[in-house]
Amino acid sequence: MLLPVRSIAVSTAVFCFFAVGIIGSFGGLSPFTCCKRALLGAIVAYLTVGAAVKAVNAILIQAMIASQVDQMRKKEPPGDRKN
């Protein structure tokens, strides 16, 4: 089963947005600076997590394909190959 790319990436981006905003406000930064940094952090987190989940999905698909090919080869009689 494949992982949902968008929902994982959005959840991570929202978490990152609030985390960076809260850390910036505790650091004494102005609200505008906190907002800019939080927005940039959320965008970077969204893109990074989206790419990572897509890579994991590609690995899962390759593993499922390899498993199906192995199962088909085991079911096929040895002298029944067509060239």
PDB file of N, CA and C in Angstrom:
ATOM      1  N   MET A   1       0.839  -1.174   0.000  1.00  0.00           N
ATOM      2  CA  MET A   1       0.000   0.000   0.000  1.00  0.00           C
ATOM      3  C   MET A   1       0.889   1.243   0.000  1.00  0.00           C
ATOM      4  N   LEU A   2       0.550   2.180  -0.844  1.00  0.00           N
ATOM      5  CA  LEU A   2       1.350   3.388  -0.971  1.00  0.00           C
ATOM      6  C   LEU A   2       0.984   4.411   0.102  1.00  0.00           C
ATOM      7  N   LEU A   3       1.950   5.240   0.422  1.00  0.00           N
ATOM      8  CA  LEU A   3       1.738   6.282   1.422  1.00  0.00           C
ATOM      9  C   LEU A   3       1.122   7.516   0.766  1.00  0.00           C
ATOM     10  N   PRO A   4       0.201   8.184   1.447  1.00  0.00           N
ATOM     11  CA  PRO A   4      -0.402   9.401   0.883  1.00  0.00           C
ATOM     12  C   PRO A   4       0.578  10.578   0.956  1.00  0.00           C
ATOM     13  N   VAL A   5       1.042  11.032  -0.184  1.00  0.00           N
ATOM     14  CA  VAL A   5       2.095  12.047  -0.241  1.00  0.00           C
ATOM     15  C   VAL A   5       1.607  13.394   0.287  1.00  0.00           C
ATOM     16  N   ARG A   6       0.499  13.866  -0.233  1.00  0.00           N
ATOM     17  CA  ARG A   6       0.052  15.224   0.088  1.00  0.00           C
ATOM     18  C   ARG A   6      -0.315  15.381   1.562  1.00  0.00           C
ATOM     19  N   SER A   7      -1.038  14.426   2.135  1.00  0.00           N
ATOM     20  CA  SER A   7      -1.479  14.595   3.524  1.00  0.00           C
ATOM     21  C   SER A   7      -0.302  14.565   4.495  1.00  0.00           C
ATOM     22  N   ILE A   8       0.671  13.714   4.235  1.00  0.00           N
ATOM     23  CA  ILE A   8       1.851  13.669   5.103  1.00  0.00           C
ATOM     24  C   ILE A   8       2.652  14.958   4.967  1.00  0.00           C
ATOM     25  N   ALA A   9       2.827  15.435   3.740  1.00  0.00           N
ATOM     26  CA  ALA A   9       3.604  16.655   3.512  1.00  0.00           C
ATOM     27  C   ALA A   9       2.914  17.881   4.115  1.00  0.00           C
ATOM     28  N   VAL A  10       1.594  17.966   3.972  1.00  0.00           N
ATOM     29  CA  VAL A  10       0.865  19.113   4.524  1.00  0.00           C
ATOM     30  C   VAL A  10       0.909  19.094   6.048  1.00  0.00           C
ATOM     31  N   SER A  11       0.720  17.927   6.643  1.00  0.00           N
ATOM     32  CA  SER A  11       0.776  17.829   8.109  1.00  0.00           C
ATOM     33  C   SER A  11       2.138  18.259   8.642  1.00  0.00           C
ATOM     34  N   THR A  12       3.186  17.824   7.973  1.00  0.00           N
ATOM     35  CA  THR A  12       4.532  18.199   8.393  1.00  0.00           C
ATOM     36  C   THR A  12       4.770  19.695   8.206  1.00  0.00           C
ATOM     37  N   ALA A  13       4.285  20.254   7.106  1.00  0.00           N
ATOM     38  CA  ALA A  13       4.466  21.686   6.848  1.00  0.00           C
ATOM     39  C   ALA A  13       3.733  22.536   7.881  1.00  0.00           C
ATOM     40  N   VAL A  14       2.528  22.132   8.251  1.00  0.00           N
ATOM     41  CA  VAL A  14       1.771  22.882   9.261  1.00  0.00           C
ATOM     42  C   VAL A  14       2.480  22.824  10.607  1.00  0.00           C
ATOM     43  N   PHE A  15       2.946  21.640  10.976  1.00  0.00           N
ATOM     44  CA  PHE A  15       3.685  21.500  12.230  1.00  0.00           C
ATOM     45  C   PHE A  15       4.942  22.369  12.215  1.00  0.00           C
ATOM     46  N   CYS A  16       5.670  22.344  11.100  1.00  0.00           N
ATOM     47  CA  CYS A  16       6.894  23.135  10.984  1.00  0.00           C
ATOM     48  C   CYS A  16       6.584  24.627  11.046  1.00  0.00           C
ATOM     49  N   PHE A  17       5.501  25.058  10.418  1.00  0.00           N
ATOM     50  CA  PHE A  17       5.119  26.464  10.443  1.00  0.00           C
ATOM     51  C   PHE A  17       4.940  26.951  11.877  1.00  0.00           C
ATOM     52  N   PHE A  18       4.147  26.217  12.655  1.00  0.00           N
ATOM     53  CA  PHE A  18       3.890  26.644  14.029  1.00  0.00           C
ATOM     54  C   PHE A  18       5.129  26.508  14.910  1.00  0.00           C
ATOM     55  N   ALA A  19       5.919  25.462  14.687  1.00  0.00           N
ATOM     56  CA  ALA A  19       7.124  25.278  15.496  1.00  0.00           C
ATOM     57  C   ALA A  19       8.111  26.419  15.268  1.00  0.00           C
ATOM     58  N   VAL A  20       8.358  26.760  14.008  1.00  0.00           N
ATOM     59  CA  VAL A  20       9.297  27.844  13.707  1.00  0.00           C
ATOM     60  C   VAL A  20       8.747  29.177  14.203  1.00  0.00           C
ATOM     61  N   GLY A  21       7.448  29.396  14.054  1.00  0.00           N
ATOM     62  CA  GLY A  21       6.840  30.639  14.539  1.00  0.00           C
ATOM     63  C   GLY A  21       6.947  30.793  16.045  1.00  0.00           C
ATOM     64  N   ILE A  22       6.679  29.722  16.770  1.00  0.00           N
ATOM     65  CA  ILE A  22       6.764  29.775  18.237  1.00  0.00           C
ATOM     66  C   ILE A  22       8.202  29.960  18.695  1.00  0.00           C
ATOM     67  N   ILE A  23       9.123  29.246  18.075  1.00  0.00           N
ATOM     68  CA  ILE A  23      10.537  29.394  18.443  1.00  0.00           C
ATOM     69  C   ILE A  23      11.012  30.814  18.156  1.00  0.00           C
ATOM     70  N   GLY A  24      10.605  31.373  17.022  1.00  0.00           N
ATOM     71  CA  GLY A  24      10.990  32.745  16.694  1.00  0.00           C
ATOM     72  C   GLY A  24      10.409  33.762  17.653  1.00  0.00           C
ATOM     73  N   SER A  25       9.172  33.544  18.078  1.00  0.00           N
ATOM     74  CA  SER A  25       8.566  34.499  19.014  1.00  0.00           C
ATOM     75  C   SER A  25       9.212  34.412  20.393  1.00  0.00           C
ATOM     76  N   PHE A  26       9.608  33.212  20.808  1.00  0.00           N
ATOM     77  CA  PHE A  26      10.335  33.089  22.076  1.00  0.00           C
ATOM     78  C   PHE A  26      11.729  33.700  21.977  1.00  0.00           C
ATOM     79  N   GLY A  27      12.263  33.743  20.761  1.00  0.00           N
ATOM     80  CA  GLY A  27      13.580  34.334  20.551  1.00  0.00           C
ATOM     81  C   GLY A  27      13.566  35.847  20.495  1.00  0.00           C
ATOM     82  N   GLY A  28      12.396  36.447  20.559  1.00  0.00           N
ATOM     83  CA  GLY A  28      12.304  37.900  20.584  1.00  0.00           C
ATOM     84  C   GLY A  28      12.261  38.554  19.219  1.00  0.00           C
ATOM     85  N   LEU A  29      11.946  37.808  18.177  1.00  0.00           N
ATOM     86  CA  LEU A  29      11.866  38.385  16.837  1.00  0.00           C
ATOM     87  C   LEU A  29      10.527  39.083  16.639  1.00  0.00           C
ATOM     88  N   SER A  30      10.492  39.973  15.665  1.00  0.00           N
ATOM     89  CA  SER A  30       9.232  40.666  15.369  1.00  0.00           C
ATOM     90  C   SER A  30       8.249  39.678  14.729  1.00  0.00           C
ATOM     91  N   PRO A  31       6.955  39.936  14.846  1.00  0.00           N
ATOM     92  CA  PRO A  31       5.967  39.024  14.264  1.00  0.00           C
ATOM     93  C   PRO A  31       6.129  38.840  12.750  1.00  0.00           C
ATOM     94  N   PHE A  32       6.496  39.903  12.037  1.00  0.00           N
ATOM     95  CA  PHE A  32       6.676  39.784  10.591  1.00  0.00           C
ATOM     96  C   PHE A  32       7.842  38.853  10.257  1.00  0.00           C
ATOM     97  N   THR A  33       8.932  38.975  11.004  1.00  0.00           N
ATOM     98  CA  THR A  33      10.087  38.104  10.786  1.00  0.00           C
ATOM     99  C   THR A  33       9.735  36.657  11.107  1.00  0.00           C
ATOM    100  N   CYS A  34       9.000  36.452  12.201  1.00  0.00           N
ATOM    101  CA  CYS A  34       8.569  35.095  12.565  1.00  0.00           C
ATOM    102  C   CYS A  34       7.700  34.494  11.465  1.00  0.00           C
ATOM    103  N   CYS A  35       6.807  35.310  10.923  1.00  0.00           N
ATOM    104  CA  CYS A  35       5.902  34.836   9.877  1.00  0.00           C
ATOM    105  C   CYS A  35       6.669  34.457   8.611  1.00  0.00           C
ATOM    106  N   LYS A  36       7.614  35.304   8.202  1.00  0.00           N
ATOM    107  CA  LYS A  36       8.410  35.007   7.010  1.00  0.00           C
ATOM    108  C   LYS A  36       9.205  33.722   7.187  1.00  0.00           C
ATOM    109  N   ARG A  37       9.866  33.589   8.325  1.00  0.00           N
ATOM    110  CA  ARG A  37      10.681  32.397   8.562  1.00  0.00           C
ATOM    111  C   ARG A  37       9.821  31.142   8.680  1.00  0.00           C
ATOM    112  N   ALA A  38       8.675  31.282   9.328  1.00  0.00           N
ATOM    113  CA  ALA A  38       7.787  30.131   9.463  1.00  0.00           C
ATOM    114  C   ALA A  38       7.246  29.700   8.104  1.00  0.00           C
ATOM    115  N   LEU A  39       6.898  30.668   7.262  1.00  0.00           N
ATOM    116  CA  LEU A  39       6.391  30.342   5.932  1.00  0.00           C
ATOM    117  C   LEU A  39       7.466  29.674   5.080  1.00  0.00           C
ATOM    118  N   LEU A  40       8.673  30.206   5.106  1.00  0.00           N
ATOM    119  CA  LEU A  40       9.766  29.585   4.352  1.00  0.00           C
ATOM    120  C   LEU A  40      10.082  28.186   4.883  1.00  0.00           C
ATOM    121  N   GLY A  41      10.071  28.036   6.198  1.00  0.00           N
ATOM    122  CA  GLY A  41      10.310  26.718   6.788  1.00  0.00           C
ATOM    123  C   GLY A  41       9.238  25.718   6.407  1.00  0.00           C
ATOM    124  N   ALA A  42       7.990  26.163   6.366  1.00  0.00           N
ATOM    125  CA  ALA A  42       6.894  25.274   5.983  1.00  0.00           C
ATOM    126  C   ALA A  42       7.004  24.859   4.518  1.00  0.00           C
ATOM    127  N   ILE A  43       7.393  25.793   3.661  1.00  0.00           N
ATOM    128  CA  ILE A  43       7.557  25.466   2.239  1.00  0.00           C
ATOM    129  C   ILE A  43       8.675  24.452   2.050  1.00  0.00           C
ATOM    130  N   VAL A  44       9.790  24.676   2.712  1.00  0.00           N
ATOM    131  CA  VAL A  44      10.915  23.743   2.606  1.00  0.00           C
ATOM    132  C   VAL A  44      10.524  22.371   3.153  1.00  0.00           C
ATOM    133  N   ALA A  45       9.817  22.350   4.282  1.00  0.00           N
ATOM    134  CA  ALA A  45       9.385  21.077   4.866  1.00  0.00           C
ATOM    135  C   ALA A  45       8.426  20.347   3.927  1.00  0.00           C
ATOM    136  N   TYR A  46       7.497  21.076   3.316  1.00  0.00           N
ATOM    137  CA  TYR A  46       6.539  20.469   2.392  1.00  0.00           C
ATOM    138  C   TYR A  46       7.259  19.825   1.208  1.00  0.00           C
ATOM    139  N   LEU A  47       8.188  20.562   0.614  1.00  0.00           N
ATOM    140  CA  LEU A  47       8.905  20.033  -0.547  1.00  0.00           C
ATOM    141  C   LEU A  47       9.792  18.849  -0.176  1.00  0.00           C
ATOM    142  N   THR A  48      10.476  18.950   0.956  1.00  0.00           N
ATOM    143  CA  THR A  48      11.376  17.883   1.380  1.00  0.00           C
ATOM    144  C   THR A  48      10.611  16.609   1.718  1.00  0.00           C
ATOM    145  N   VAL A  49       9.565  16.747   2.503  1.00  0.00           N
ATOM    146  CA  VAL A  49       8.790  15.567   2.898  1.00  0.00           C
ATOM    147  C   VAL A  49       8.071  14.972   1.692  1.00  0.00           C
ATOM    148  N   GLY A  50       7.568  15.813   0.803  1.00  0.00           N
ATOM    149  CA  GLY A  50       6.929  15.304  -0.408  1.00  0.00           C
ATOM    150  C   GLY A  50       7.888  14.473  -1.248  1.00  0.00           C
ATOM    151  N   ALA A  51       9.114  14.956  -1.418  1.00  0.00           N
ATOM    152  CA  ALA A  51      10.113  14.205  -2.184  1.00  0.00           C
ATOM    153  C   ALA A  51      10.494  12.909  -1.472  1.00  0.00           C
ATOM    154  N   ALA A  52      10.622  12.960  -0.150  1.00  0.00           N
ATOM    155  CA  ALA A  52      10.989  11.761   0.606  1.00  0.00           C
ATOM    156  C   ALA A  52       9.896  10.699   0.532  1.00  0.00           C
ATOM    157  N   VAL A  53       8.645  11.104   0.645  1.00  0.00           N
ATOM    158  CA  VAL A  53       7.543  10.136   0.580  1.00  0.00           C
ATOM    159  C   VAL A  53       7.428   9.555  -0.827  1.00  0.00           C
ATOM    160  N   LYS A  54       7.669  10.367  -1.841  1.00  0.00           N
ATOM    161  CA  LYS A  54       7.658   9.844  -3.211  1.00  0.00           C
ATOM    162  C   LYS A  54       8.775   8.823  -3.412  1.00  0.00           C
ATOM    163  N   ALA A  55       9.938   9.069  -2.818  1.00  0.00           N
ATOM    164  CA  ALA A  55      11.035   8.111  -2.916  1.00  0.00           C
ATOM    165  C   ALA A  55      10.686   6.804  -2.207  1.00  0.00           C
ATOM    166  N   VAL A  56      10.077   6.903  -1.036  1.00  0.00           N
ATOM    167  CA  VAL A  56       9.660   5.700  -0.309  1.00  0.00           C
ATOM    168  C   VAL A  56       8.619   4.935  -1.116  1.00  0.00           C
ATOM    169  N   ASN A  57       7.677   5.641  -1.725  1.00  0.00           N
ATOM    170  CA  ASN A  57       6.672   4.983  -2.557  1.00  0.00           C
ATOM    171  C   ASN A  57       7.309   4.273  -3.748  1.00  0.00           C
ATOM    172  N   ALA A  58       8.310   4.882  -4.359  1.00  0.00           N
ATOM    173  CA  ALA A  58       8.998   4.246  -5.483  1.00  0.00           C
ATOM    174  C   ALA A  58       9.688   2.962  -5.037  1.00  0.00           C
ATOM    175  N   ILE A  59      10.303   2.990  -3.862  1.00  0.00           N
ATOM    176  CA  ILE A  59      10.953   1.787  -3.332  1.00  0.00           C
ATOM    177  C   ILE A  59       9.916   0.706  -3.051  1.00  0.00           C
ATOM    178  N   LEU A  60       8.777   1.093  -2.471  1.00  0.00           N
ATOM    179  CA  LEU A  60       7.716   0.119  -2.195  1.00  0.00           C
ATOM    180  C   LEU A  60       7.166  -0.491  -3.479  1.00  0.00           C
ATOM    181  N   ILE A  61       6.991   0.318  -4.508  1.00  0.00           N
ATOM    182  CA  ILE A  61       6.481  -0.196  -5.777  1.00  0.00           C
ATOM    183  C   ILE A  61       7.470  -1.179  -6.388  1.00  0.00           C
ATOM    184  N   GLN A  62       8.752  -0.852  -6.359  1.00  0.00           N
ATOM    185  CA  GLN A  62       9.766  -1.759  -6.897  1.00  0.00           C
ATOM    186  C   GLN A  62       9.775  -3.081  -6.145  1.00  0.00           C
ATOM    187  N   ALA A  63       9.623  -3.025  -4.820  1.00  0.00           N
ATOM    188  CA  ALA A  63       9.598  -4.253  -4.023  1.00  0.00           C
ATOM    189  C   ALA A  63       8.363  -5.087  -4.348  1.00  0.00           C
ATOM    190  N   MET A  64       7.219  -4.435  -4.538  1.00  0.00           N
ATOM    191  CA  MET A  64       6.002  -5.178  -4.877  1.00  0.00           C
ATOM    192  C   MET A  64       6.115  -5.806  -6.263  1.00  0.00           C
ATOM    193  N   ILE A  65       6.708  -5.096  -7.205  1.00  0.00           N
ATOM    194  CA  ILE A  65       6.891  -5.645  -8.550  1.00  0.00           C
ATOM    195  C   ILE A  65       7.826  -6.841  -8.504  1.00  0.00           C
ATOM    196  N   ALA A  66       8.921  -6.723  -7.776  1.00  0.00           N
ATOM    197  CA  ALA A  66       9.865  -7.834  -7.666  1.00  0.00           C
ATOM    198  C   ALA A  66       9.210  -9.048  -7.009  1.00  0.00           C
ATOM    199  N   SER A  67       8.389  -8.812  -6.009  1.00  0.00           N
ATOM    200  CA  SER A  67       7.687  -9.906  -5.344  1.00  0.00           C
ATOM    201  C   SER A  67       6.725 -10.602  -6.298  1.00  0.00           C
ATOM    202  N   GLN A  68       5.994  -9.831  -7.086  1.00  0.00           N
ATOM    203  CA  GLN A  68       5.056 -10.419  -8.041  1.00  0.00           C
ATOM    204  C   GLN A  68       5.789 -11.211  -9.122  1.00  0.00           C
ATOM    205  N   VAL A  69       6.918 -10.707  -9.590  1.00  0.00           N
ATOM    206  CA  VAL A  69       7.698 -11.417 -10.601  1.00  0.00           C
ATOM    207  C   VAL A  69       8.217 -12.728 -10.031  1.00  0.00           C
ATOM    208  N   ASP A  70       8.700 -12.716  -8.800  1.00  0.00           N
ATOM    209  CA  ASP A  70       9.177 -13.947  -8.166  1.00  0.00           C
ATOM    210  C   ASP A  70       8.053 -14.962  -8.003  1.00  0.00           C
ATOM    211  N   GLN A  71       6.870 -14.503  -7.626  1.00  0.00           N
ATOM    212  CA  GLN A  71       5.734 -15.416  -7.485  1.00  0.00           C
ATOM    213  C   GLN A  71       5.345 -16.019  -8.825  1.00  0.00           C
ATOM    214  N   MET A  72       5.386 -15.218  -9.882  1.00  0.00           N
ATOM    215  CA  MET A  72       5.039 -15.735 -11.205  1.00  0.00           C
ATOM    216  C   MET A  72       6.068 -16.747 -11.679  1.00  0.00           C
ATOM    217  N   ARG A  73       7.334 -16.517 -11.388  1.00  0.00           N
ATOM    218  CA  ARG A  73       8.381 -17.459 -11.790  1.00  0.00           C
ATOM    219  C   ARG A  73       8.271 -18.771 -11.032  1.00  0.00           C
ATOM    220  N   LYS A  74       7.867 -18.726  -9.780  1.00  0.00           N
ATOM    221  CA  LYS A  74       7.719 -19.951  -8.991  1.00  0.00           C
ATOM    222  C   LYS A  74       6.529 -20.776  -9.466  1.00  0.00           C
ATOM    223  N   LYS A  75       5.472 -20.131  -9.934  1.00  0.00           N
ATOM    224  CA  LYS A  75       4.283 -20.843 -10.396  1.00  0.00           C
ATOM    225  C   LYS A  75       4.472 -21.440 -11.784  1.00  0.00           C
ATOM    226  N   GLU A  76       5.344 -20.852 -12.582  1.00  0.00           N
ATOM    227  CA  GLU A  76       5.541 -21.283 -13.962  1.00  0.00           C
ATOM    228  C   GLU A  76       6.346 -22.582 -13.997  1.00  0.00           C
ATOM    229  N   PRO A  77       5.882 -23.609 -14.737  1.00  0.00           N
ATOM    230  CA  PRO A  77       6.669 -24.846 -14.859  1.00  0.00           C
ATOM    231  C   PRO A  77       7.994 -24.572 -15.568  1.00  0.00           C
ATOM    232  N   PRO A  78       9.056 -25.341 -15.228  1.00  0.00           N
ATOM    233  CA  PRO A  78      10.393 -25.046 -15.772  1.00  0.00           C
ATOM    234  C   PRO A  78      10.494 -25.117 -17.288  1.00  0.00           C
ATOM    235  N   GLY A  79       9.812 -26.047 -17.951  1.00  0.00           N
ATOM    236  CA  GLY A  79       9.946 -26.186 -19.397  1.00  0.00           C
ATOM    237  C   GLY A  79       8.919 -25.392 -20.175  1.00  0.00           C
ATOM    238  N   ASP A  80       8.229 -24.499 -19.536  1.00  0.00           N
ATOM    239  CA  ASP A  80       7.120 -23.783 -20.167  1.00  0.00           C
ATOM    240  C   ASP A  80       7.482 -22.360 -20.584  1.00  0.00           C
ATOM    241  N   ARG A  81       8.752 -22.032 -20.619  1.00  0.00           N
ATOM    242  CA  ARG A  81       9.154 -20.667 -20.989  1.00  0.00           C
ATOM    243  C   ARG A  81       9.030 -20.445 -22.471  1.00  0.00           C
ATOM    244  N   LYS A  82       8.521 -19.271 -22.806  1.00  0.00           N
ATOM    245  CA  LYS A  82       8.392 -18.901 -24.215  1.00  0.00           C
ATOM    246  C   LYS A  82       9.467 -17.876 -24.544  1.00  0.00           C
ATOM    247  N   ASN A  83      10.226 -18.127 -25.589  1.00  0.00           N
ATOM    248  CA  ASN A  83      11.294 -17.201 -25.989  1.00  0.00           C
ATOM    249  C   ASN A  83      10.918 -16.469 -27.230  1.00  0.00           C
TER     250      ASN A  83
END
